[in-house]
Amino acid sequence: MKLKSSVLKISELSTENKQDLFQLMLEVYDGINWNKFLSDMNQKNYILILYNKDNAIAGFTTIQVFDFENKLIIYSGDTVIEEDSRGDIELMRAWWRFSYTIQEKNPAKQVFWLLISKGWRTYKFFPLFLKEIYPTYKCNTPEEIQKFIDRLSHYKFGDSYKNGLVIPEYPDKLKSGKNDIPEKRREDKDVKFFLEKNPDFYKGNELVCLAELSVSNLTKAGLKLLHGVRNAI
């Protein structure tokens, strides 16, 4: 099923929109309540919403854009896609459209994608579209980059950040728990690495990931999306 998408400012969402988004989160996560959901959303600037053929909300990801040490950070917050729509690439197509616009508006700054992942599907976005990502099974994270990740994570997540993970006091947990990873996926090198770095993902722990957003850092799959983005902007 092909999805459609739109990016809105958080301030543009109606109460009804928020209630629909909240209901979708309840289908996927435990540990969610309305006040917590609103508090988290109000810390973001934008939201990317996916719609199915009936124009019902099929998924979303929240986004915060902020400056840190003279670099621009695009932070991906909550990301949810209904089960029937998983595998559709519209989320990444629309996300690249948005992030490339941010890059174009800030040509003098390095732009980084900060992603926290409590699931293997989210982590897999990184190596699919970007060549140089951290952390990765391919190499140790260079000391200078790790220090930057640590400083950024302490700034963003405070005491919840520990040894490369965000461990919330009151976490959201995948309803699927340990069973979220199919057996056939467990031998995938990226998935195995994710499990090594974040073995308690099912408890709501999130792996902190970072990558520079630049054309030179895109894989072939990323470049294909970018070419489509260029025509769309």
C-alpha atoms as a PDB file:
ATOM      1  CA  MET A   1       0.000   0.000   0.000  1.00  0.00           C
ATOM      2  CA  LYS A   2       1.471   3.372  -0.990  1.00  0.00           C
ATOM      3  CA  LEU A   3       1.396   5.968   1.743  1.00  0.00           C
ATOM      4  CA  LYS A   4       1.172   9.742   1.484  1.00  0.00           C
ATOM      5  CA  SER A   5       2.837  12.184   3.853  1.00  0.00           C
ATOM      6  CA  SER A   6       2.933  15.736   5.117  1.00  0.00           C
ATOM      7  CA  VAL A   7       5.170  17.691   7.490  1.00  0.00           C
ATOM      8  CA  LEU A   8       3.517  20.062   9.946  1.00  0.00           C
ATOM      9  CA  LYS A   9       4.698  22.300  12.716  1.00  0.00           C
ATOM     10  CA  ILE A  10       3.660  20.905  16.083  1.00  0.00           C
ATOM     11  CA  SER A  11       1.740  24.150  16.684  1.00  0.00           C
ATOM     12  CA  GLU A  12      -0.441  23.354  13.632  1.00  0.00           C
ATOM     13  CA  LEU A  13      -1.827  20.119  15.094  1.00  0.00           C
ATOM     14  CA  SER A  14      -5.391  20.129  16.339  1.00  0.00           C
ATOM     15  CA  THR A  15      -6.458  18.335  19.516  1.00  0.00           C
ATOM     16  CA  GLU A  16      -8.180  15.746  17.307  1.00  0.00           C
ATOM     17  CA  ASN A  17      -4.932  15.194  15.366  1.00  0.00           C
ATOM     18  CA  LYS A  18      -3.053  14.616  18.622  1.00  0.00           C
ATOM     19  CA  GLN A  19      -5.664  12.186  19.876  1.00  0.00           C
ATOM     20  CA  ASP A  20      -5.387  10.149  16.648  1.00  0.00           C
ATOM     21  CA  LEU A  21      -1.581  10.088  16.958  1.00  0.00           C
ATOM     22  CA  PHE A  22      -1.838   9.048  20.583  1.00  0.00           C
ATOM     23  CA  GLN A  23      -4.169   6.167  19.730  1.00  0.00           C
ATOM     24  CA  LEU A  24      -1.662   4.905  17.163  1.00  0.00           C
ATOM     25  CA  MET A  25       1.099   4.979  19.779  1.00  0.00           C
ATOM     26  CA  LEU A  26      -1.075   3.000  22.164  1.00  0.00           C
ATOM     27  CA  GLU A  27      -1.304   0.237  19.564  1.00  0.00           C
ATOM     28  CA  VAL A  28       2.480  -0.197  19.498  1.00  0.00           C
ATOM     29  CA  TYR A  29       3.813   0.863  22.905  1.00  0.00           C
ATOM     30  CA  ASP A  30       3.160   0.222  26.575  1.00  0.00           C
ATOM     31  CA  GLY A  31       4.037   2.853  29.174  1.00  0.00           C
ATOM     32  CA  ILE A  32       2.304   5.691  27.332  1.00  0.00           C
ATOM     33  CA  ASN A  33      -0.130   8.167  28.845  1.00  0.00           C
ATOM     34  CA  TRP A  34      -1.720  11.300  27.444  1.00  0.00           C
ATOM     35  CA  ASN A  35       0.232  13.824  29.530  1.00  0.00           C
ATOM     36  CA  LYS A  36       3.553  12.140  28.800  1.00  0.00           C
ATOM     37  CA  PHE A  37       2.702  12.017  25.102  1.00  0.00           C
ATOM     38  CA  LEU A  38       1.868  15.745  25.000  1.00  0.00           C
ATOM     39  CA  SER A  39       4.945  16.705  27.009  1.00  0.00           C
ATOM     40  CA  ASP A  40       7.241  14.840  24.636  1.00  0.00           C
ATOM     41  CA  MET A  41       5.529  16.231  21.545  1.00  0.00           C
ATOM     42  CA  ASN A  42       5.711  19.813  22.802  1.00  0.00           C
ATOM     43  CA  GLN A  43       9.515  19.524  22.942  1.00  0.00           C
ATOM     44  CA  LYS A  44       9.606  18.979  19.150  1.00  0.00           C
ATOM     45  CA  ASN A  45       9.307  21.495  16.296  1.00  0.00           C
ATOM     46  CA  TYR A  46       7.793  19.357  13.546  1.00  0.00           C
ATOM     47  CA  ILE A  47       5.918  16.153  12.873  1.00  0.00           C
ATOM     48  CA  LEU A  48       5.963  14.015   9.727  1.00  0.00           C
ATOM     49  CA  ILE A  49       2.638  12.217   9.329  1.00  0.00           C
ATOM     50  CA  LEU A  50       1.896   9.247   7.068  1.00  0.00           C
ATOM     51  CA  TYR A  51      -1.593   8.640   5.645  1.00  0.00           C
ATOM     52  CA  ASN A  52      -3.041   5.476   4.114  1.00  0.00           C
ATOM     53  CA  LYS A  53      -5.352   5.247   1.074  1.00  0.00           C
ATOM     54  CA  ASP A  54      -8.319   6.152   3.280  1.00  0.00           C
ATOM     55  CA  ASN A  55      -6.498   9.293   4.496  1.00  0.00           C
ATOM     56  CA  ALA A  56      -6.312   7.829   8.005  1.00  0.00           C
ATOM     57  CA  ILE A  57      -3.081   8.324   9.963  1.00  0.00           C
ATOM     58  CA  ALA A  58      -0.829   5.309   9.350  1.00  0.00           C
ATOM     59  CA  GLY A  59       2.291   6.525  11.135  1.00  0.00           C
ATOM     60  CA  PHE A  60       4.374   9.485  12.215  1.00  0.00           C
ATOM     61  CA  THR A  61       7.730  10.668  13.472  1.00  0.00           C
ATOM     62  CA  THR A  62       8.383  13.758  15.555  1.00  0.00           C
ATOM     63  CA  ILE A  63      11.349  16.013  14.788  1.00  0.00           C
ATOM     64  CA  GLN A  64      13.337  18.597  16.703  1.00  0.00           C
ATOM     65  CA  VAL A  65      15.864  20.885  14.997  1.00  0.00           C
ATOM     66  CA  PHE A  66      18.356  22.675  17.233  1.00  0.00           C
ATOM     67  CA  ASP A  67      21.886  24.092  17.375  1.00  0.00           C
ATOM     68  CA  PHE A  68      24.644  22.442  19.358  1.00  0.00           C
ATOM     69  CA  GLU A  69      28.295  23.532  19.311  1.00  0.00           C
ATOM     70  CA  ASN A  70      27.697  25.452  16.075  1.00  0.00           C
ATOM     71  CA  LYS A  71      26.304  22.363  14.375  1.00  0.00           C
ATOM     72  CA  LEU A  72      22.699  21.771  13.372  1.00  0.00           C
ATOM     73  CA  ILE A  73      21.061  18.709  14.896  1.00  0.00           C
ATOM     74  CA  ILE A  74      17.973  17.025  13.463  1.00  0.00           C
ATOM     75  CA  TYR A  75      16.639  14.817  16.229  1.00  0.00           C
ATOM     76  CA  SER A  76      14.153  12.046  15.480  1.00  0.00           C
ATOM     77  CA  GLY A  77      11.783  11.454  18.368  1.00  0.00           C
ATOM     78  CA  ASP A  78       8.868   9.020  18.576  1.00  0.00           C
ATOM     79  CA  THR A  79       8.424   7.000  15.366  1.00  0.00           C
ATOM     80  CA  VAL A  80       5.384   4.785  14.877  1.00  0.00           C
ATOM     81  CA  ILE A  81       4.028   2.980  11.804  1.00  0.00           C
ATOM     82  CA  GLU A  82       0.965   0.758  11.831  1.00  0.00           C
ATOM     83  CA  GLU A  83       1.793  -2.885  11.182  1.00  0.00           C
ATOM     84  CA  ASP A  84       0.036  -3.075   7.800  1.00  0.00           C
ATOM     85  CA  SER A  85       2.104  -0.167   6.457  1.00  0.00           C
ATOM     86  CA  ARG A  86       5.573  -1.275   7.535  1.00  0.00           C
ATOM     87  CA  GLY A  87       7.955  -1.668   4.624  1.00  0.00           C
ATOM     88  CA  ASP A  88       6.599   1.351   2.733  1.00  0.00           C
ATOM     89  CA  ILE A  89       9.451   3.801   1.982  1.00  0.00           C
ATOM     90  CA  GLU A  90       7.361   6.976   2.152  1.00  0.00           C
ATOM     91  CA  LEU A  91       8.568   7.703   5.689  1.00  0.00           C
ATOM     92  CA  MET A  92      12.191   7.908   4.558  1.00  0.00           C
ATOM     93  CA  ARG A  93      11.346   9.644   1.290  1.00  0.00           C
ATOM     94  CA  ALA A  94       9.516  12.380   3.174  1.00  0.00           C
ATOM     95  CA  TRP A  95      12.142  12.536   5.921  1.00  0.00           C
ATOM     96  CA  TRP A  96      14.902  13.092   3.352  1.00  0.00           C
ATOM     97  CA  ARG A  97      12.810  15.774   1.672  1.00  0.00           C
ATOM     98  CA  PHE A  98      12.531  17.554   4.988  1.00  0.00           C
ATOM     99  CA  SER A  99      16.162  17.095   6.059  1.00  0.00           C
ATOM    100  CA  TYR A 100      17.521  18.145   2.669  1.00  0.00           C
ATOM    101  CA  THR A 101      15.505  21.364   2.887  1.00  0.00           C
ATOM    102  CA  ILE A 102      17.091  22.039   6.283  1.00  0.00           C
ATOM    103  CA  GLN A 103      20.554  21.409   4.811  1.00  0.00           C
ATOM    104  CA  GLU A 104      19.897  23.779   1.896  1.00  0.00           C
ATOM    105  CA  LYS A 105      18.814  26.540   4.270  1.00  0.00           C
ATOM    106  CA  ASN A 106      21.980  26.136   6.367  1.00  0.00           C
ATOM    107  CA  PRO A 107      24.818  25.610   3.841  1.00  0.00           C
ATOM    108  CA  ALA A 108      27.510  26.908   6.195  1.00  0.00           C
ATOM    109  CA  LYS A 109      26.772  24.394   8.958  1.00  0.00           C
ATOM    110  CA  GLN A 110      27.387  20.713   9.407  1.00  0.00           C
ATOM    111  CA  VAL A 111      24.045  18.946   9.841  1.00  0.00           C
ATOM    112  CA  PHE A 112      23.767  15.772  11.919  1.00  0.00           C
ATOM    113  CA  TRP A 113      20.981  13.253  12.391  1.00  0.00           C
ATOM    114  CA  LEU A 114      20.508  12.256  16.030  1.00  0.00           C
ATOM    115  CA  LEU A 115      18.410   9.119  16.320  1.00  0.00           C
ATOM    116  CA  ILE A 116      17.573   7.078  19.399  1.00  0.00           C
ATOM    117  CA  SER A 117      16.450   3.561  18.655  1.00  0.00           C
ATOM    118  CA  LYS A 118      14.525   1.153  20.850  1.00  0.00           C
ATOM    119  CA  GLY A 119      13.936  -1.158  17.885  1.00  0.00           C
ATOM    120  CA  TRP A 120      15.958  -2.796  15.135  1.00  0.00           C
ATOM    121  CA  ARG A 121      13.752  -1.403  12.366  1.00  0.00           C
ATOM    122  CA  THR A 122      14.616   2.163  13.330  1.00  0.00           C
ATOM    123  CA  TYR A 123      18.324   1.368  13.606  1.00  0.00           C
ATOM    124  CA  LYS A 124      18.300  -0.209  10.124  1.00  0.00           C
ATOM    125  CA  PHE A 125      17.413   3.161   8.582  1.00  0.00           C
ATOM    126  CA  PHE A 126      20.964   4.302   9.286  1.00  0.00           C
ATOM    127  CA  PRO A 127      23.096   1.774   7.351  1.00  0.00           C
ATOM    128  CA  LEU A 128      20.521   1.542   4.567  1.00  0.00           C
ATOM    129  CA  PHE A 129      20.844   5.191   3.588  1.00  0.00           C
ATOM    130  CA  LEU A 130      24.130   6.421   5.105  1.00  0.00           C
ATOM    131  CA  LYS A 131      27.707   5.231   4.652  1.00  0.00           C
ATOM    132  CA  GLU A 132      29.276   6.517   7.868  1.00  0.00           C
ATOM    133  CA  ILE A 133      27.171   5.973  10.967  1.00  0.00           C
ATOM    134  CA  TYR A 134      27.937   5.584  14.653  1.00  0.00           C
ATOM    135  CA  PRO A 135      27.866   3.210  16.342  1.00  0.00           C
ATOM    136  CA  THR A 136      28.322   0.408  13.788  1.00  0.00           C
ATOM    137  CA  TYR A 137      29.688  -3.136  13.654  1.00  0.00           C
ATOM    138  CA  LYS A 138      32.076  -2.032  10.904  1.00  0.00           C
ATOM    139  CA  CYS A 139      34.464  -0.098  13.163  1.00  0.00           C
ATOM    140  CA  ASN A 140      34.974   1.410  16.580  1.00  0.00           C
ATOM    141  CA  THR A 141      33.601   4.912  16.966  1.00  0.00           C
ATOM    142  CA  PRO A 142      36.521   7.382  16.712  1.00  0.00           C
ATOM    143  CA  GLU A 143      37.318   8.987  20.059  1.00  0.00           C
ATOM    144  CA  GLU A 144      36.573  12.537  18.899  1.00  0.00           C
ATOM    145  CA  ILE A 145      33.166  11.526  17.524  1.00  0.00           C
ATOM    146  CA  GLN A 146      32.321   9.509  20.643  1.00  0.00           C
ATOM    147  CA  LYS A 147      33.108  12.508  22.829  1.00  0.00           C
ATOM    148  CA  PHE A 148      30.832  14.640  20.675  1.00  0.00           C
ATOM    149  CA  ILE A 149      28.052  12.036  20.952  1.00  0.00           C
ATOM    150  CA  ASP A 150      28.516  11.968  24.730  1.00  0.00           C
ATOM    151  CA  ARG A 151      28.378  15.764  25.052  1.00  0.00           C
ATOM    152  CA  LEU A 152      25.347  16.018  22.783  1.00  0.00           C
ATOM    153  CA  SER A 153      23.550  13.183  24.580  1.00  0.00           C
ATOM    154  CA  HIS A 154      24.195  14.614  28.039  1.00  0.00           C
ATOM    155  CA  TYR A 155      22.909  17.969  26.762  1.00  0.00           C
ATOM    156  CA  LYS A 156      19.781  16.448  25.248  1.00  0.00           C
ATOM    157  CA  PHE A 157      18.954  13.591  27.636  1.00  0.00           C
ATOM    158  CA  GLY A 158      20.692  14.537  30.883  1.00  0.00           C
ATOM    159  CA  ASP A 159      21.171  11.758  33.437  1.00  0.00           C
ATOM    160  CA  SER A 160      19.099   9.350  31.326  1.00  0.00           C
ATOM    161  CA  TYR A 161      22.137   8.946  29.045  1.00  0.00           C
ATOM    162  CA  LYS A 162      24.512   6.181  30.119  1.00  0.00           C
ATOM    163  CA  ASN A 163      27.191   4.415  28.049  1.00  0.00           C
ATOM    164  CA  GLY A 164      25.651   5.056  24.656  1.00  0.00           C
ATOM    165  CA  LEU A 165      22.063   4.393  25.738  1.00  0.00           C
ATOM    166  CA  VAL A 166      19.130   6.495  26.833  1.00  0.00           C
ATOM    167  CA  ILE A 167      17.533   4.696  29.773  1.00  0.00           C
ATOM    168  CA  PRO A 168      14.375   6.632  30.690  1.00  0.00           C
ATOM    169  CA  GLU A 169      13.003   6.574  34.210  1.00  0.00           C
ATOM    170  CA  TYR A 170       9.532   5.943  32.779  1.00  0.00           C
ATOM    171  CA  PRO A 171      10.145   4.246  29.403  1.00  0.00           C
ATOM    172  CA  ASP A 172       7.856   3.469  26.513  1.00  0.00           C
ATOM    173  CA  LYS A 173       8.092  -0.252  25.714  1.00  0.00           C
ATOM    174  CA  LEU A 174       7.326  -2.125  22.524  1.00  0.00           C
ATOM    175  CA  LYS A 175       4.260  -4.302  23.064  1.00  0.00           C
ATOM    176  CA  SER A 176       5.953  -7.040  21.041  1.00  0.00           C
ATOM    177  CA  GLY A 177       8.793  -7.177  23.603  1.00  0.00           C
ATOM    178  CA  LYS A 178      11.658  -9.564  22.857  1.00  0.00           C
ATOM    179  CA  ASN A 179       9.617 -11.056  20.029  1.00  0.00           C
ATOM    180  CA  ASP A 180       9.954  -7.889  17.947  1.00  0.00           C
ATOM    181  CA  ILE A 181      12.938  -9.374  16.066  1.00  0.00           C
ATOM    182  CA  PRO A 182      12.091 -12.275  13.719  1.00  0.00           C
ATOM    183  CA  GLU A 183      14.513 -15.217  13.815  1.00  0.00           C
ATOM    184  CA  LYS A 184      15.496 -14.713  10.162  1.00  0.00           C
ATOM    185  CA  ARG A 185      16.637 -11.166  11.022  1.00  0.00           C
ATOM    186  CA  ARG A 186      18.823 -12.120  13.979  1.00  0.00           C
ATOM    187  CA  GLU A 187      21.771 -13.072  11.748  1.00  0.00           C
ATOM    188  CA  ASP A 188      21.743  -9.704   9.985  1.00  0.00           C
ATOM    189  CA  LYS A 189      25.004  -7.978  10.992  1.00  0.00           C
ATOM    190  CA  ASP A 190      23.319  -4.681  11.790  1.00  0.00           C
ATOM    191  CA  VAL A 191      20.594  -6.355  13.840  1.00  0.00           C
ATOM    192  CA  LYS A 192      23.135  -8.476  15.742  1.00  0.00           C
ATOM    193  CA  PHE A 193      25.111  -5.333  16.505  1.00  0.00           C
ATOM    194  CA  PHE A 194      21.980  -3.531  17.685  1.00  0.00           C
ATOM    195  CA  LEU A 195      21.235  -6.410  20.066  1.00  0.00           C
ATOM    196  CA  GLU A 196      24.802  -6.391  21.388  1.00  0.00           C
ATOM    197  CA  LYS A 197      24.690  -2.658  22.088  1.00  0.00           C
ATOM    198  CA  ASN A 198      21.086  -2.556  23.329  1.00  0.00           C
ATOM    199  CA  PRO A 199      20.163  -6.027  24.663  1.00  0.00           C
ATOM    200  CA  ASP A 200      17.389  -4.619  26.882  1.00  0.00           C
ATOM    201  CA  PHE A 201      15.661  -2.730  24.045  1.00  0.00           C
ATOM    202  CA  TYR A 202      12.374  -4.394  25.016  1.00  0.00           C
ATOM    203  CA  LYS A 203      12.542  -2.570  28.366  1.00  0.00           C
ATOM    204  CA  GLY A 204      12.475   0.772  26.535  1.00  0.00           C
ATOM    205  CA  ASN A 205      16.233   1.414  26.424  1.00  0.00           C
ATOM    206  CA  GLU A 206      17.268   3.392  23.341  1.00  0.00           C
ATOM    207  CA  LEU A 207      20.542   3.271  21.421  1.00  0.00           C
ATOM    208  CA  VAL A 208      21.939   6.711  20.586  1.00  0.00           C
ATOM    209  CA  CYS A 209      22.972   6.951  16.917  1.00  0.00           C
ATOM    210  CA  LEU A 210      24.594   9.790  14.990  1.00  0.00           C
ATOM    211  CA  ALA A 211      25.418  10.455  11.344  1.00  0.00           C
ATOM    212  CA  GLU A 212      26.379  13.499   9.328  1.00  0.00           C
ATOM    213  CA  LEU A 213      23.795  14.456   6.733  1.00  0.00           C
ATOM    214  CA  SER A 214      25.651  15.259   3.523  1.00  0.00           C
ATOM    215  CA  VAL A 215      25.492  14.083  -0.079  1.00  0.00           C
ATOM    216  CA  SER A 216      28.923  12.460   0.224  1.00  0.00           C
ATOM    217  CA  ASN A 217      27.698  10.322   3.120  1.00  0.00           C
ATOM    218  CA  LEU A 218      24.746   8.812   1.241  1.00  0.00           C
ATOM    219  CA  THR A 219      24.585   5.208   0.054  1.00  0.00           C
ATOM    220  CA  LYS A 220      23.165   4.343  -3.381  1.00  0.00           C
ATOM    221  CA  ALA A 221      19.750   3.957  -1.764  1.00  0.00           C
ATOM    222  CA  GLY A 222      20.149   7.352  -0.108  1.00  0.00           C
ATOM    223  CA  LEU A 223      21.159   8.973  -3.385  1.00  0.00           C
ATOM    224  CA  LYS A 224      18.083   7.546  -5.110  1.00  0.00           C
ATOM    225  CA  LEU A 225      15.904   9.187  -2.489  1.00  0.00           C
ATOM    226  CA  LEU A 226      17.879  12.426  -2.765  1.00  0.00           C
ATOM    227  CA  HIS A 227      17.431  12.626  -6.533  1.00  0.00           C
ATOM    228  CA  GLY A 228      13.717  12.331  -5.996  1.00  0.00           C
ATOM    229  CA  VAL A 229      13.904  14.994  -3.308  1.00  0.00           C
ATOM    230  CA  ARG A 230      15.743  17.440  -5.565  1.00  0.00           C
ATOM    231  CA  ASN A 231      12.926  17.253  -8.088  1.00  0.00           C
ATOM    232  CA  ALA A 232      10.329  17.730  -5.384  1.00  0.00           C
ATOM    233  CA  ILE A 233      11.782  20.814  -3.728  1.00  0.00           C
END
